[in-house]
Amino acid sequence: MFNDTAKIARIFEYLLAVKNLNEKIIRNINHYEQVWWEKDIPQMDGFYIGGSGTNEDAWFEVHKQEIPTVPPVPSELKKWVTKHDNPEQPPTVLEVLVVGIDDEENEIVEVFDEDQLLNAFALLQ
């Protein structure tokens, strides 16, 4: 079994070496598609440069972050707010809500009241 594994590993090493024969060697840093300098990398939680993380020998480290859950929408506002799956996208607040249709087939609408919003958030605190 070990002998077969070694043979398979050598085959892949050979294939990689053949592939690399066609690769262009970049000898000047300015010829790379993109260059990241340490000063250009934003300082963020969980991202460490130059051994400042848990491993002193690491050039850089990235640690998974704990992202807090979004607070629930107050029940008074649920019909006015559309939440999105994307945490980067803020919720959409409807300004007008269609609540029904009258006898003449006109929409019956309810307009968002900002006082209702302020009262709902005051209850959260």
PDB file of N, CA and C in Angstrom:
ATOM      1  N   MET A   1       0.828  -1.197   0.000  1.00  0.00           N
ATOM      2  CA  MET A   1       0.000   0.000   0.000  1.00  0.00           C
ATOM      3  C   MET A   1       0.869   1.256   0.000  1.00  0.00           C
ATOM      4  N   PHE A   2       1.900   1.266   0.877  1.00  0.00           N
ATOM      5  CA  PHE A   2       2.776   2.432   0.956  1.00  0.00           C
ATOM      6  C   PHE A   2       3.489   2.656  -0.371  1.00  0.00           C
ATOM      7  N   ASN A   3       3.897   1.587  -1.022  1.00  0.00           N
ATOM      8  CA  ASN A   3       4.598   1.682  -2.286  1.00  0.00           C
ATOM      9  C   ASN A   3       3.697   2.303  -3.358  1.00  0.00           C
ATOM     10  N   ASP A   4       2.410   1.902  -3.371  1.00  0.00           N
ATOM     11  CA  ASP A   4       1.464   2.474  -4.327  1.00  0.00           C
ATOM     12  C   ASP A   4       1.266   3.967  -4.078  1.00  0.00           C
ATOM     13  N   THR A   5       1.173   4.360  -2.820  1.00  0.00           N
ATOM     14  CA  THR A   5       0.999   5.772  -2.474  1.00  0.00           C
ATOM     15  C   THR A   5       2.202   6.582  -2.932  1.00  0.00           C
ATOM     16  N   ALA A   6       3.376   6.058  -2.755  1.00  0.00           N
ATOM     17  CA  ALA A   6       4.598   6.756  -3.178  1.00  0.00           C
ATOM     18  C   ALA A   6       4.632   6.903  -4.690  1.00  0.00           C
ATOM     19  N   LYS A   7       4.202   5.874  -5.408  1.00  0.00           N
ATOM     20  CA  LYS A   7       4.174   5.947  -6.874  1.00  0.00           C
ATOM     21  C   LYS A   7       3.177   7.006  -7.338  1.00  0.00           C
ATOM     22  N   ILE A   8       2.008   7.037  -6.706  1.00  0.00           N
ATOM     23  CA  ILE A   8       0.991   8.037  -7.075  1.00  0.00           C
ATOM     24  C   ILE A   8       1.507   9.443  -6.784  1.00  0.00           C
ATOM     25  N   ALA A   9       2.172   9.623  -5.656  1.00  0.00           N
ATOM     26  CA  ALA A   9       2.731  10.932  -5.312  1.00  0.00           C
ATOM     27  C   ALA A   9       3.769  11.356  -6.342  1.00  0.00           C
ATOM     28  N   ARG A  10       4.610  10.438  -6.788  1.00  0.00           N
ATOM     29  CA  ARG A  10       5.627  10.766  -7.800  1.00  0.00           C
ATOM     30  C   ARG A  10       4.983  11.149  -9.128  1.00  0.00           C
ATOM     31  N   ILE A  11       3.880  10.483  -9.482  1.00  0.00           N
ATOM     32  CA  ILE A  11       3.174  10.838 -10.724  1.00  0.00           C
ATOM     33  C   ILE A  11       2.681  12.273 -10.652  1.00  0.00           C
ATOM     34  N   PHE A  12       2.087  12.641  -9.516  1.00  0.00           N
ATOM     35  CA  PHE A  12       1.584  14.015  -9.382  1.00  0.00           C
ATOM     36  C   PHE A  12       2.729  15.028  -9.337  1.00  0.00           C
ATOM     37  N   GLU A  13       3.828  14.681  -8.717  1.00  0.00           N
ATOM     38  CA  GLU A  13       4.992  15.565  -8.722  1.00  0.00           C
ATOM     39  C   GLU A  13       5.504  15.769 -10.142  1.00  0.00           C
ATOM     40  N   TYR A  14       5.510  14.716 -10.922  1.00  0.00           N
ATOM     41  CA  TYR A  14       5.931  14.801 -12.325  1.00  0.00           C
ATOM     42  C   TYR A  14       4.977  15.703 -13.110  1.00  0.00           C
ATOM     43  N   LEU A  15       3.672  15.496 -12.933  1.00  0.00           N
ATOM     44  CA  LEU A  15       2.689  16.317 -13.652  1.00  0.00           C
ATOM     45  C   LEU A  15       2.834  17.795 -13.275  1.00  0.00           C
ATOM     46  N   LEU A  16       3.077  18.075 -12.010  1.00  0.00           N
ATOM     47  CA  LEU A  16       3.271  19.457 -11.572  1.00  0.00           C
ATOM     48  C   LEU A  16       4.528  20.055 -12.198  1.00  0.00           C
ATOM     49  N   ALA A  17       5.594  19.268 -12.260  1.00  0.00           N
ATOM     50  CA  ALA A  17       6.840  19.747 -12.863  1.00  0.00           C
ATOM     51  C   ALA A  17       6.644  20.031 -14.349  1.00  0.00           C
ATOM     52  N   VAL A  18       5.896  19.190 -15.060  1.00  0.00           N
ATOM     53  CA  VAL A  18       5.626  19.413 -16.487  1.00  0.00           C
ATOM     54  C   VAL A  18       4.798  20.677 -16.663  1.00  0.00           C
ATOM     55  N   LYS A  19       3.795  20.873 -15.807  1.00  0.00           N
ATOM     56  CA  LYS A  19       2.957  22.073 -15.887  1.00  0.00           C
ATOM     57  C   LYS A  19       3.799  23.332 -15.666  1.00  0.00           C
ATOM     58  N   ASN A  20       4.721  23.262 -14.706  1.00  0.00           N
ATOM     59  CA  ASN A  20       5.543  24.425 -14.378  1.00  0.00           C
ATOM     60  C   ASN A  20       6.551  24.773 -15.477  1.00  0.00           C
ATOM     61  N   LEU A  21       6.814  23.866 -16.412  1.00  0.00           N
ATOM     62  CA  LEU A  21       7.714  24.180 -17.519  1.00  0.00           C
ATOM     63  C   LEU A  21       7.165  25.308 -18.382  1.00  0.00           C
ATOM     64  N   ASN A  22       5.843  25.409 -18.467  1.00  0.00           N
ATOM     65  CA  ASN A  22       5.215  26.435 -19.294  1.00  0.00           C
ATOM     66  C   ASN A  22       4.925  27.729 -18.532  1.00  0.00           C
ATOM     67  N   GLU A  23       5.158  27.741 -17.236  1.00  0.00           N
ATOM     68  CA  GLU A  23       4.888  28.926 -16.431  1.00  0.00           C
ATOM     69  C   GLU A  23       5.984  29.970 -16.637  1.00  0.00           C
ATOM     70  N   LYS A  24       5.555  31.210 -16.791  1.00  0.00           N
ATOM     71  CA  LYS A  24       6.505  32.306 -16.926  1.00  0.00           C
ATOM     72  C   LYS A  24       7.035  32.671 -15.540  1.00  0.00           C
ATOM     73  N   ILE A  25       8.327  32.812 -15.408  1.00  0.00           N
ATOM     74  CA  ILE A  25       8.941  33.186 -14.136  1.00  0.00           C
ATOM     75  C   ILE A  25       8.912  34.703 -14.026  1.00  0.00           C
ATOM     76  N   ILE A  26       8.303  35.198 -12.950  1.00  0.00           N
ATOM     77  CA  ILE A  26       8.225  36.641 -12.719  1.00  0.00           C
ATOM     78  C   ILE A  26       9.389  37.027 -11.820  1.00  0.00           C
ATOM     79  N   ARG A  27      10.255  37.889 -12.348  1.00  0.00           N
ATOM     80  CA  ARG A  27      11.458  38.260 -11.617  1.00  0.00           C
ATOM     81  C   ARG A  27      11.387  39.663 -11.016  1.00  0.00           C
ATOM     82  N   ASN A  28      10.334  40.416 -11.369  1.00  0.00           N
ATOM     83  CA  ASN A  28      10.181  41.772 -10.861  1.00  0.00           C
ATOM     84  C   ASN A  28       8.830  41.862 -10.166  1.00  0.00           C
ATOM     85  N   ILE A  29       8.832  42.363  -8.945  1.00  0.00           N
ATOM     86  CA  ILE A  29       7.588  42.420  -8.169  1.00  0.00           C
ATOM     87  C   ILE A  29       6.528  43.297  -8.837  1.00  0.00           C
ATOM     88  N   ASN A  30       6.937  44.271  -9.616  1.00  0.00           N
ATOM     89  CA  ASN A  30       5.981  45.166 -10.288  1.00  0.00           C
ATOM     90  C   ASN A  30       5.240  44.485 -11.435  1.00  0.00           C
ATOM     91  N   HIS A  31       5.665  43.294 -11.840  1.00  0.00           N
ATOM     92  CA  HIS A  31       5.013  42.587 -12.936  1.00  0.00           C
ATOM     93  C   HIS A  31       3.911  41.642 -12.468  1.00  0.00           C
ATOM     94  N   TYR A  32       3.726  41.515 -11.147  1.00  0.00           N
ATOM     95  CA  TYR A  32       2.640  40.690 -10.635  1.00  0.00           C
ATOM     96  C   TYR A  32       1.302  41.378 -10.888  1.00  0.00           C
ATOM     97  N   GLU A  33       0.227  40.587 -10.955  1.00  0.00           N
ATOM     98  CA  GLU A  33      -1.104  41.160 -11.171  1.00  0.00           C
ATOM     99  C   GLU A  33      -1.475  42.100 -10.038  1.00  0.00           C
ATOM    100  N   GLN A  34      -1.201  41.686  -8.809  1.00  0.00           N
ATOM    101  CA  GLN A  34      -1.515  42.518  -7.652  1.00  0.00           C
ATOM    102  C   GLN A  34      -0.460  42.285  -6.586  1.00  0.00           C
ATOM    103  N   VAL A  35      -0.048  43.365  -5.950  1.00  0.00           N
ATOM    104  CA  VAL A  35       0.944  43.292  -4.894  1.00  0.00           C
ATOM    105  C   VAL A  35       0.313  43.872  -3.628  1.00  0.00           C
ATOM    106  N   TRP A  36       0.447  43.133  -2.544  1.00  0.00           N
ATOM    107  CA  TRP A  36      -0.085  43.596  -1.256  1.00  0.00           C
ATOM    108  C   TRP A  36       1.086  43.991  -0.364  1.00  0.00           C
ATOM    109  N   TRP A  37       1.116  45.262   0.030  1.00  0.00           N
ATOM    110  CA  TRP A  37       2.119  45.735   0.969  1.00  0.00           C
ATOM    111  C   TRP A  37       1.498  45.734   2.355  1.00  0.00           C
ATOM    112  N   GLU A  38       2.316  45.554   3.361  1.00  0.00           N
ATOM    113  CA  GLU A  38       1.794  45.471   4.724  1.00  0.00           C
ATOM    114  C   GLU A  38       1.005  46.720   5.104  1.00  0.00           C
ATOM    115  N   LYS A  39       1.453  47.880   4.678  1.00  0.00           N
ATOM    116  CA  LYS A  39       0.763  49.127   5.030  1.00  0.00           C
ATOM    117  C   LYS A  39      -0.600  49.253   4.338  1.00  0.00           C
ATOM    118  N   ASP A  40      -0.809  48.496   3.245  1.00  0.00           N
ATOM    119  CA  ASP A  40      -2.073  48.566   2.508  1.00  0.00           C
ATOM    120  C   ASP A  40      -3.146  47.625   3.058  1.00  0.00           C
ATOM    121  N   ILE A  41      -2.754  46.711   3.930  1.00  0.00           N
ATOM    122  CA  ILE A  41      -3.699  45.738   4.466  1.00  0.00           C
ATOM    123  C   ILE A  41      -4.414  46.366   5.661  1.00  0.00           C
ATOM    124  N   PRO A  42      -5.738  46.391   5.649  1.00  0.00           N
ATOM    125  CA  PRO A  42      -6.466  47.012   6.760  1.00  0.00           C
ATOM    126  C   PRO A  42      -6.283  46.222   8.055  1.00  0.00           C
ATOM    127  N   GLN A  43      -6.256  46.934   9.147  1.00  0.00           N
ATOM    128  CA  GLN A  43      -6.150  46.301  10.463  1.00  0.00           C
ATOM    129  C   GLN A  43      -7.542  45.867  10.896  1.00  0.00           C
ATOM    130  N   MET A  44      -7.759  44.545  10.997  1.00  0.00           N
ATOM    131  CA  MET A  44      -9.058  44.014  11.367  1.00  0.00           C
ATOM    132  C   MET A  44      -8.883  42.991  12.481  1.00  0.00           C
ATOM    133  N   ASP A  45      -9.950  42.780  13.226  1.00  0.00           N
ATOM    134  CA  ASP A  45      -9.927  41.738  14.251  1.00  0.00           C
ATOM    135  C   ASP A  45      -9.756  40.390  13.581  1.00  0.00           C
ATOM    136  N   GLY A  46      -8.894  39.567  14.144  1.00  0.00           N
ATOM    137  CA  GLY A  46      -8.703  38.224  13.630  1.00  0.00           C
ATOM    138  C   GLY A  46      -7.700  38.124  12.497  1.00  0.00           C
ATOM    139  N   PHE A  47      -7.083  39.227  12.081  1.00  0.00           N
ATOM    140  CA  PHE A  47      -6.078  39.215  11.021  1.00  0.00           C
ATOM    141  C   PHE A  47      -4.784  39.759  11.604  1.00  0.00           C
ATOM    142  N   TYR A  48      -3.756  38.934  11.596  1.00  0.00           N
ATOM    143  CA  TYR A  48      -2.487  39.287  12.240  1.00  0.00           C
ATOM    144  C   TYR A  48      -1.349  39.193  11.240  1.00  0.00           C
ATOM    145  N   ILE A  49      -0.426  40.153  11.310  1.00  0.00           N
ATOM    146  CA  ILE A  49       0.708  40.222  10.387  1.00  0.00           C
ATOM    147  C   ILE A  49       2.006  40.175  11.189  1.00  0.00           C
ATOM    148  N   GLY A  50       2.982  39.459  10.646  1.00  0.00           N
ATOM    149  CA  GLY A  50       4.329  39.468  11.216  1.00  0.00           C
ATOM    150  C   GLY A  50       4.446  38.829  12.584  1.00  0.00           C
ATOM    151  N   GLY A  51       3.741  37.744  12.828  1.00  0.00           N
ATOM    152  CA  GLY A  51       3.874  37.035  14.089  1.00  0.00           C
ATOM    153  C   GLY A  51       3.169  37.673  15.263  1.00  0.00           C
ATOM    154  N   SER A  52       2.260  38.605  15.009  1.00  0.00           N
ATOM    155  CA  SER A  52       1.556  39.265  16.115  1.00  0.00           C
ATOM    156  C   SER A  52       0.359  38.452  16.602  1.00  0.00           C
ATOM    157  N   GLY A  53       0.075  37.320  15.948  1.00  0.00           N
ATOM    158  CA  GLY A  53      -1.040  36.458  16.360  1.00  0.00           C
ATOM    159  C   GLY A  53      -0.579  35.373  17.308  1.00  0.00           C
ATOM    160  N   THR A  54      -1.161  34.184  17.170  1.00  0.00           N
ATOM    161  CA  THR A  54      -0.813  33.080  18.065  1.00  0.00           C
ATOM    162  C   THR A  54       0.471  32.376  17.652  1.00  0.00           C
ATOM    163  N   ASN A  55       0.869  32.468  16.377  1.00  0.00           N
ATOM    164  CA  ASN A  55       2.082  31.817  15.892  1.00  0.00           C
ATOM    165  C   ASN A  55       3.111  32.897  15.556  1.00  0.00           C
ATOM    166  N   GLU A  56       4.179  32.954  16.327  1.00  0.00           N
ATOM    167  CA  GLU A  56       5.189  34.002  16.131  1.00  0.00           C
ATOM    168  C   GLU A  56       5.934  33.880  14.809  1.00  0.00           C
ATOM    169  N   ASP A  57       5.985  32.674  14.221  1.00  0.00           N
ATOM    170  CA  ASP A  57       6.711  32.457  12.976  1.00  0.00           C
ATOM    171  C   ASP A  57       5.862  32.734  11.734  1.00  0.00           C
ATOM    172  N   ALA A  58       4.577  32.990  11.915  1.00  0.00           N
ATOM    173  CA  ALA A  58       3.679  33.172  10.765  1.00  0.00           C
ATOM    174  C   ALA A  58       3.855  34.561  10.157  1.00  0.00           C
ATOM    175  N   TRP A  59       3.810  34.627   8.836  1.00  0.00           N
ATOM    176  CA  TRP A  59       3.828  35.919   8.144  1.00  0.00           C
ATOM    177  C   TRP A  59       2.511  36.627   8.360  1.00  0.00           C
ATOM    178  N   PHE A  60       1.416  35.864   8.205  1.00  0.00           N
ATOM    179  CA  PHE A  60       0.110  36.404   8.533  1.00  0.00           C
ATOM    180  C   PHE A  60      -0.798  35.277   8.991  1.00  0.00           C
ATOM    181  N   GLU A  61      -1.784  35.640   9.803  1.00  0.00           N
ATOM    182  CA  GLU A  61      -2.761  34.685  10.318  1.00  0.00           C
ATOM    183  C   GLU A  61      -4.155  35.265  10.147  1.00  0.00           C
ATOM    184  N   VAL A  62      -5.102  34.387   9.896  1.00  0.00           N
ATOM    185  CA  VAL A  62      -6.509  34.784   9.827  1.00  0.00           C
ATOM    186  C   VAL A  62      -7.283  33.854  10.747  1.00  0.00           C
ATOM    187  N   HIS A  63      -8.035  34.436  11.656  1.00  0.00           N
ATOM    188  CA  HIS A  63      -8.848  33.671  12.595  1.00  0.00           C
ATOM    189  C   HIS A  63     -10.327  33.943  12.325  1.00  0.00           C
ATOM    190  N   LYS A  64     -11.144  32.928  12.470  1.00  0.00           N
ATOM    191  CA  LYS A  64     -12.582  33.060  12.282  1.00  0.00           C
ATOM    192  C   LYS A  64     -13.144  33.993  13.353  1.00  0.00           C
ATOM    193  N   GLN A  65     -14.025  34.882  12.927  1.00  0.00           N
ATOM    194  CA  GLN A  65     -14.599  35.861  13.833  1.00  0.00           C
ATOM    195  C   GLN A  65     -15.990  35.432  14.298  1.00  0.00           C
ATOM    196  N   GLU A  66     -16.334  35.824  15.501  1.00  0.00           N
ATOM    197  CA  GLU A  66     -17.678  35.609  16.020  1.00  0.00           C
ATOM    198  C   GLU A  66     -18.509  36.825  15.621  1.00  0.00           C
ATOM    199  N   ILE A  67     -19.478  36.606  14.765  1.00  0.00           N
ATOM    200  CA  ILE A  67     -20.337  37.703  14.312  1.00  0.00           C
ATOM    201  C   ILE A  67     -21.612  37.660  15.149  1.00  0.00           C
ATOM    202  N   PRO A  68     -21.919  38.758  15.858  1.00  0.00           N
ATOM    203  CA  PRO A  68     -23.116  38.745  16.698  1.00  0.00           C
ATOM    204  C   PRO A  68     -24.382  38.645  15.846  1.00  0.00           C
ATOM    205  N   THR A  69     -25.385  38.017  16.410  1.00  0.00           N
ATOM    206  CA  THR A  69     -26.652  37.893  15.685  1.00  0.00           C
ATOM    207  C   THR A  69     -27.365  39.234  15.678  1.00  0.00           C
ATOM    208  N   VAL A  70     -28.176  39.424  14.669  1.00  0.00           N
ATOM    209  CA  VAL A  70     -28.931  40.655  14.516  1.00  0.00           C
ATOM    210  C   VAL A  70     -30.102  40.627  15.496  1.00  0.00           C
ATOM    211  N   PRO A  71     -30.364  41.739  16.187  1.00  0.00           N
ATOM    212  CA  PRO A  71     -31.500  41.729  17.105  1.00  0.00           C
ATOM    213  C   PRO A  71     -32.810  41.558  16.336  1.00  0.00           C
ATOM    214  N   PRO A  72     -33.803  40.955  16.951  1.00  0.00           N
ATOM    215  CA  PRO A  72     -35.070  40.747  16.249  1.00  0.00           C
ATOM    216  C   PRO A  72     -35.796  42.072  16.019  1.00  0.00           C
ATOM    217  N   VAL A  73     -36.592  42.099  14.980  1.00  0.00           N
ATOM    218  CA  VAL A  73     -37.396  43.279  14.672  1.00  0.00           C
ATOM    219  C   VAL A  73     -38.576  43.298  15.636  1.00  0.00           C
ATOM    220  N   PRO A  74     -38.877  44.446  16.259  1.00  0.00           N
ATOM    221  CA  PRO A  74     -40.034  44.511  17.155  1.00  0.00           C
ATOM    222  C   PRO A  74     -41.320  44.109  16.425  1.00  0.00           C
ATOM    223  N   SER A  75     -42.208  43.471  17.146  1.00  0.00           N
ATOM    224  CA  SER A  75     -43.437  42.952  16.524  1.00  0.00           C
ATOM    225  C   SER A  75     -44.261  44.056  15.868  1.00  0.00           C
ATOM    226  N   GLU A  76     -44.200  45.281  16.412  1.00  0.00           N
ATOM    227  CA  GLU A  76     -44.962  46.401  15.829  1.00  0.00           C
ATOM    228  C   GLU A  76     -44.444  46.779  14.441  1.00  0.00           C
ATOM    229  N   LEU A  77     -43.192  46.421  14.157  1.00  0.00           N
ATOM    230  CA  LEU A  77     -42.574  46.846  12.897  1.00  0.00           C
ATOM    231  C   LEU A  77     -42.386  45.707  11.897  1.00  0.00           C
ATOM    232  N   LYS A  78     -42.721  44.468  12.264  1.00  0.00           N
ATOM    233  CA  LYS A  78     -42.448  43.328  11.383  1.00  0.00           C
ATOM    234  C   LYS A  78     -43.075  43.486  10.002  1.00  0.00           C
ATOM    235  N   LYS A  79     -44.262  44.026   9.933  1.00  0.00           N
ATOM    236  CA  LYS A  79     -44.899  44.157   8.618  1.00  0.00           C
ATOM    237  C   LYS A  79     -44.271  45.268   7.775  1.00  0.00           C
ATOM    238  N   TRP A  80     -43.495  46.143   8.407  1.00  0.00           N
ATOM    239  CA  TRP A  80     -42.878  47.268   7.694  1.00  0.00           C
ATOM    240  C   TRP A  80     -41.436  46.996   7.284  1.00  0.00           C
ATOM    241  N   VAL A  81     -40.823  45.976   7.836  1.00  0.00           N
ATOM    242  CA  VAL A  81     -39.395  45.743   7.630  1.00  0.00           C
ATOM    243  C   VAL A  81     -39.181  44.417   6.908  1.00  0.00           C
ATOM    244  N   THR A  82     -38.333  44.451   5.869  1.00  0.00           N
ATOM    245  CA  THR A  82     -37.929  43.237   5.165  1.00  0.00           C
ATOM    246  C   THR A  82     -36.463  42.986   5.485  1.00  0.00           C
ATOM    247  N   LYS A  83     -36.184  41.857   6.156  1.00  0.00           N
ATOM    248  CA  LYS A  83     -34.800  41.506   6.482  1.00  0.00           C
ATOM    249  C   LYS A  83     -34.204  40.725   5.318  1.00  0.00           C
ATOM    250  N   HIS A  84     -32.895  40.848   5.151  1.00  0.00           N
ATOM    251  CA  HIS A  84     -32.178  40.166   4.079  1.00  0.00           C
ATOM    252  C   HIS A  84     -31.232  39.129   4.675  1.00  0.00           C
ATOM    253  N   ASP A  85     -30.889  38.127   3.877  1.00  0.00           N
ATOM    254  CA  ASP A  85     -29.948  37.103   4.330  1.00  0.00           C
ATOM    255  C   ASP A  85     -28.521  37.629   4.396  1.00  0.00           C
ATOM    256  N   ASN A  86     -28.222  38.646   3.590  1.00  0.00           N
ATOM    257  CA  ASN A  86     -26.884  39.217   3.549  1.00  0.00           C
ATOM    258  C   ASN A  86     -26.687  40.138   4.756  1.00  0.00           C
ATOM    259  N   PRO A  87     -25.746  39.824   5.671  1.00  0.00           N
ATOM    260  CA  PRO A  87     -25.559  40.667   6.857  1.00  0.00           C
ATOM    261  C   PRO A  87     -25.014  42.056   6.528  1.00  0.00           C
ATOM    262  N   GLU A  88     -24.440  42.222   5.358  1.00  0.00           N
ATOM    263  CA  GLU A  88     -23.905  43.527   4.969  1.00  0.00           C
ATOM    264  C   GLU A  88     -25.007  44.462   4.464  1.00  0.00           C
ATOM    265  N   GLN A  89     -26.161  43.908   4.120  1.00  0.00           N
ATOM    266  CA  GLN A  89     -27.244  44.706   3.556  1.00  0.00           C
ATOM    267  C   GLN A  89     -28.225  45.083   4.666  1.00  0.00           C
ATOM    268  N   PRO A  90     -28.475  46.390   4.836  1.00  0.00           N
ATOM    269  CA  PRO A  90     -29.412  46.798   5.893  1.00  0.00           C
ATOM    270  C   PRO A  90     -30.841  46.383   5.535  1.00  0.00           C
ATOM    271  N   PRO A  91     -31.700  46.252   6.529  1.00  0.00           N
ATOM    272  CA  PRO A  91     -33.088  45.888   6.238  1.00  0.00           C
ATOM    273  C   PRO A  91     -33.784  46.991   5.439  1.00  0.00           C
ATOM    274  N   THR A  92     -34.778  46.593   4.659  1.00  0.00           N
ATOM    275  CA  THR A  92     -35.547  47.543   3.860  1.00  0.00           C
ATOM    276  C   THR A  92     -36.796  47.928   4.644  1.00  0.00           C
ATOM    277  N   VAL A  93     -37.031  49.232   4.758  1.00  0.00           N
ATOM    278  CA  VAL A  93     -38.219  49.724   5.454  1.00  0.00           C
ATOM    279  C   VAL A  93     -39.211  50.219   4.409  1.00  0.00           C
ATOM    280  N   LEU A  94     -40.428  49.673   4.466  1.00  0.00           N
ATOM    281  CA  LEU A  94     -41.473  50.091   3.539  1.00  0.00           C
ATOM    282  C   LEU A  94     -42.078  51.401   4.023  1.00  0.00           C
ATOM    283  N   GLU A  95     -42.331  52.319   3.110  1.00  0.00           N
ATOM    284  CA  GLU A  95     -42.954  53.583   3.488  1.00  0.00           C
ATOM    285  C   GLU A  95     -44.465  53.495   3.386  1.00  0.00           C
ATOM    286  N   VAL A  96     -44.952  52.658   2.465  1.00  0.00           N
ATOM    287  CA  VAL A  96     -46.389  52.485   2.256  1.00  0.00           C
ATOM    288  C   VAL A  96     -46.672  50.988   2.208  1.00  0.00           C
ATOM    289  N   LEU A  97     -47.748  50.569   2.872  1.00  0.00           N
ATOM    290  CA  LEU A  97     -48.121  49.170   2.931  1.00  0.00           C
ATOM    291  C   LEU A  97     -49.558  49.019   2.422  1.00  0.00           C
ATOM    292  N   VAL A  98     -49.750  48.143   1.439  1.00  0.00           N
ATOM    293  CA  VAL A  98     -51.093  47.891   0.918  1.00  0.00           C
ATOM    294  C   VAL A  98     -51.775  46.925   1.880  1.00  0.00           C
ATOM    295  N   VAL A  99     -52.923  47.384   2.455  1.00  0.00           N
ATOM    296  CA  VAL A  99     -53.616  46.553   3.446  1.00  0.00           C
ATOM    297  C   VAL A  99     -54.886  45.915   2.891  1.00  0.00           C
ATOM    298  N   GLY A 100     -55.302  46.334   1.714  1.00  0.00           N
ATOM    299  CA  GLY A 100     -56.494  45.736   1.120  1.00  0.00           C
ATOM    300  C   GLY A 100     -56.926  46.474  -0.131  1.00  0.00           C
ATOM    301  N   ILE A 101     -58.086  46.066  -0.656  1.00  0.00           N
ATOM    302  CA  ILE A 101     -58.667  46.691  -1.852  1.00  0.00           C
ATOM    303  C   ILE A 101     -60.123  46.989  -1.536  1.00  0.00           C
ATOM    304  N   ASP A 102     -60.557  48.235  -1.879  1.00  0.00           N
ATOM    305  CA  ASP A 102     -61.945  48.610  -1.588  1.00  0.00           C
ATOM    306  C   ASP A 102     -62.888  48.121  -2.677  1.00  0.00           C
ATOM    307  N   ASP A 103     -64.168  48.497  -2.569  1.00  0.00           N
ATOM    308  CA  ASP A 103     -65.193  48.043  -3.516  1.00  0.00           C
ATOM    309  C   ASP A 103     -64.942  48.522  -4.939  1.00  0.00           C
ATOM    310  N   GLU A 104     -64.275  49.657  -5.081  1.00  0.00           N
ATOM    311  CA  GLU A 104     -64.004  50.212  -6.415  1.00  0.00           C
ATOM    312  C   GLU A 104     -62.650  49.753  -6.952  1.00  0.00           C
ATOM    313  N   GLU A 105     -62.084  48.722  -6.333  1.00  0.00           N
ATOM    314  CA  GLU A 105     -60.811  48.119  -6.735  1.00  0.00           C
ATOM    315  C   GLU A 105     -59.619  49.072  -6.573  1.00  0.00           C
ATOM    316  N   ASN A 106     -59.724  50.013  -5.655  1.00  0.00           N
ATOM    317  CA  ASN A 106     -58.607  50.894  -5.300  1.00  0.00           C
ATOM    318  C   ASN A 106     -57.861  50.274  -4.114  1.00  0.00           C
ATOM    319  N   GLU A 107     -56.553  50.450  -4.098  1.00  0.00           N
ATOM    320  CA  GLU A 107     -55.756  49.911  -3.003  1.00  0.00           C
ATOM    321  C   GLU A 107     -55.974  50.735  -1.736  1.00  0.00           C
ATOM    322  N   ILE A 108     -56.128  50.065  -0.634  1.00  0.00           N
ATOM    323  CA  ILE A 108     -56.174  50.725   0.664  1.00  0.00           C
ATOM    324  C   ILE A 108     -54.764  50.627   1.237  1.00  0.00           C
ATOM    325  N   VAL A 109     -54.158  51.780   1.497  1.00  0.00           N
ATOM    326  CA  VAL A 109     -52.763  51.804   1.937  1.00  0.00           C
ATOM    327  C   VAL A 109     -52.655  52.369   3.338  1.00  0.00           C
ATOM    328  N   GLU A 110     -51.596  51.960   4.007  1.00  0.00           N
ATOM    329  CA  GLU A 110     -51.266  52.493   5.317  1.00  0.00           C
ATOM    330  C   GLU A 110     -49.889  53.134   5.180  1.00  0.00           C
ATOM    331  N   VAL A 111     -49.735  54.356   5.634  1.00  0.00           N
ATOM    332  CA  VAL A 111     -48.475  55.094   5.523  1.00  0.00           C
ATOM    333  C   VAL A 111     -47.691  54.899   6.819  1.00  0.00           C
ATOM    334  N   PHE A 112     -46.391  54.696   6.668  1.00  0.00           N
ATOM    335  CA  PHE A 112     -45.527  54.461   7.828  1.00  0.00           C
ATOM    336  C   PHE A 112     -45.470  55.702   8.691  1.00  0.00           C
ATOM    337  N   ASP A 113     -45.614  55.508   9.992  1.00  0.00           N
ATOM    338  CA  ASP A 113     -45.590  56.600  10.961  1.00  0.00           C
ATOM    339  C   ASP A 113     -44.271  56.522  11.727  1.00  0.00           C
ATOM    340  N   GLU A 114     -43.458  57.562  11.629  1.00  0.00           N
ATOM    341  CA  GLU A 114     -42.153  57.544  12.302  1.00  0.00           C
ATOM    342  C   GLU A 114     -42.289  57.492  13.815  1.00  0.00           C
ATOM    343  N   ASP A 115     -43.375  58.043  14.354  1.00  0.00           N
ATOM    344  CA  ASP A 115     -43.599  57.954  15.802  1.00  0.00           C
ATOM    345  C   ASP A 115     -43.753  56.497  16.222  1.00  0.00           C
ATOM    346  N   GLN A 116     -44.359  55.691  15.360  1.00  0.00           N
ATOM    347  CA  GLN A 116     -44.515  54.264  15.625  1.00  0.00           C
ATOM    348  C   GLN A 116     -43.132  53.610  15.723  1.00  0.00           C
ATOM    349  N   LEU A 117     -42.223  54.016  14.863  1.00  0.00           N
ATOM    350  CA  LEU A 117     -40.858  53.501  14.886  1.00  0.00           C
ATOM    351  C   LEU A 117     -40.160  53.882  16.185  1.00  0.00           C
ATOM    352  N   LEU A 118     -40.238  55.125  16.566  1.00  0.00           N
ATOM    353  CA  LEU A 118     -39.564  55.589  17.772  1.00  0.00           C
ATOM    354  C   LEU A 118     -40.124  54.895  19.017  1.00  0.00           C
ATOM    355  N   ASN A 119     -41.435  54.713  19.065  1.00  0.00           N
ATOM    356  CA  ASN A 119     -42.060  54.026  20.208  1.00  0.00           C
ATOM    357  C   ASN A 119     -41.607  52.578  20.280  1.00  0.00           C
ATOM    358  N   ALA A 120     -41.502  51.915  19.140  1.00  0.00           N
ATOM    359  CA  ALA A 120     -41.085  50.503  19.110  1.00  0.00           C
ATOM    360  C   ALA A 120     -39.644  50.352  19.590  1.00  0.00           C
ATOM    361  N   PHE A 121     -38.768  51.248  19.163  1.00  0.00           N
ATOM    362  CA  PHE A 121     -37.383  51.162  19.602  1.00  0.00           C
ATOM    363  C   PHE A 121     -37.213  51.575  21.062  1.00  0.00           C
ATOM    364  N   ALA A 122     -38.085  52.448  21.548  1.00  0.00           N
ATOM    365  CA  ALA A 122     -38.033  52.823  22.963  1.00  0.00           C
ATOM    366  C   ALA A 122     -38.378  51.621  23.837  1.00  0.00           C
ATOM    367  N   LEU A 123     -39.240  50.737  23.341  1.00  0.00           N
ATOM    368  CA  LEU A 123     -39.599  49.543  24.090  1.00  0.00           C
ATOM    369  C   LEU A 123     -38.424  48.583  24.202  1.00  0.00           C
ATOM    370  N   LEU A 124     -37.517  48.594  23.205  1.00  0.00           N
ATOM    371  CA  LEU A 124     -36.368  47.691  23.222  1.00  0.00           C
ATOM    372  C   LEU A 124     -35.344  48.081  24.279  1.00  0.00           C
ATOM    373  N   GLN A 125     -35.296  49.341  24.620  1.00  0.00           N
ATOM    374  CA  GLN A 125     -34.252  49.821  25.537  1.00  0.00           C
ATOM    375  C   GLN A 125     -34.674  49.838  26.953  1.00  0.00           C
TER     376      GLN A 125
END
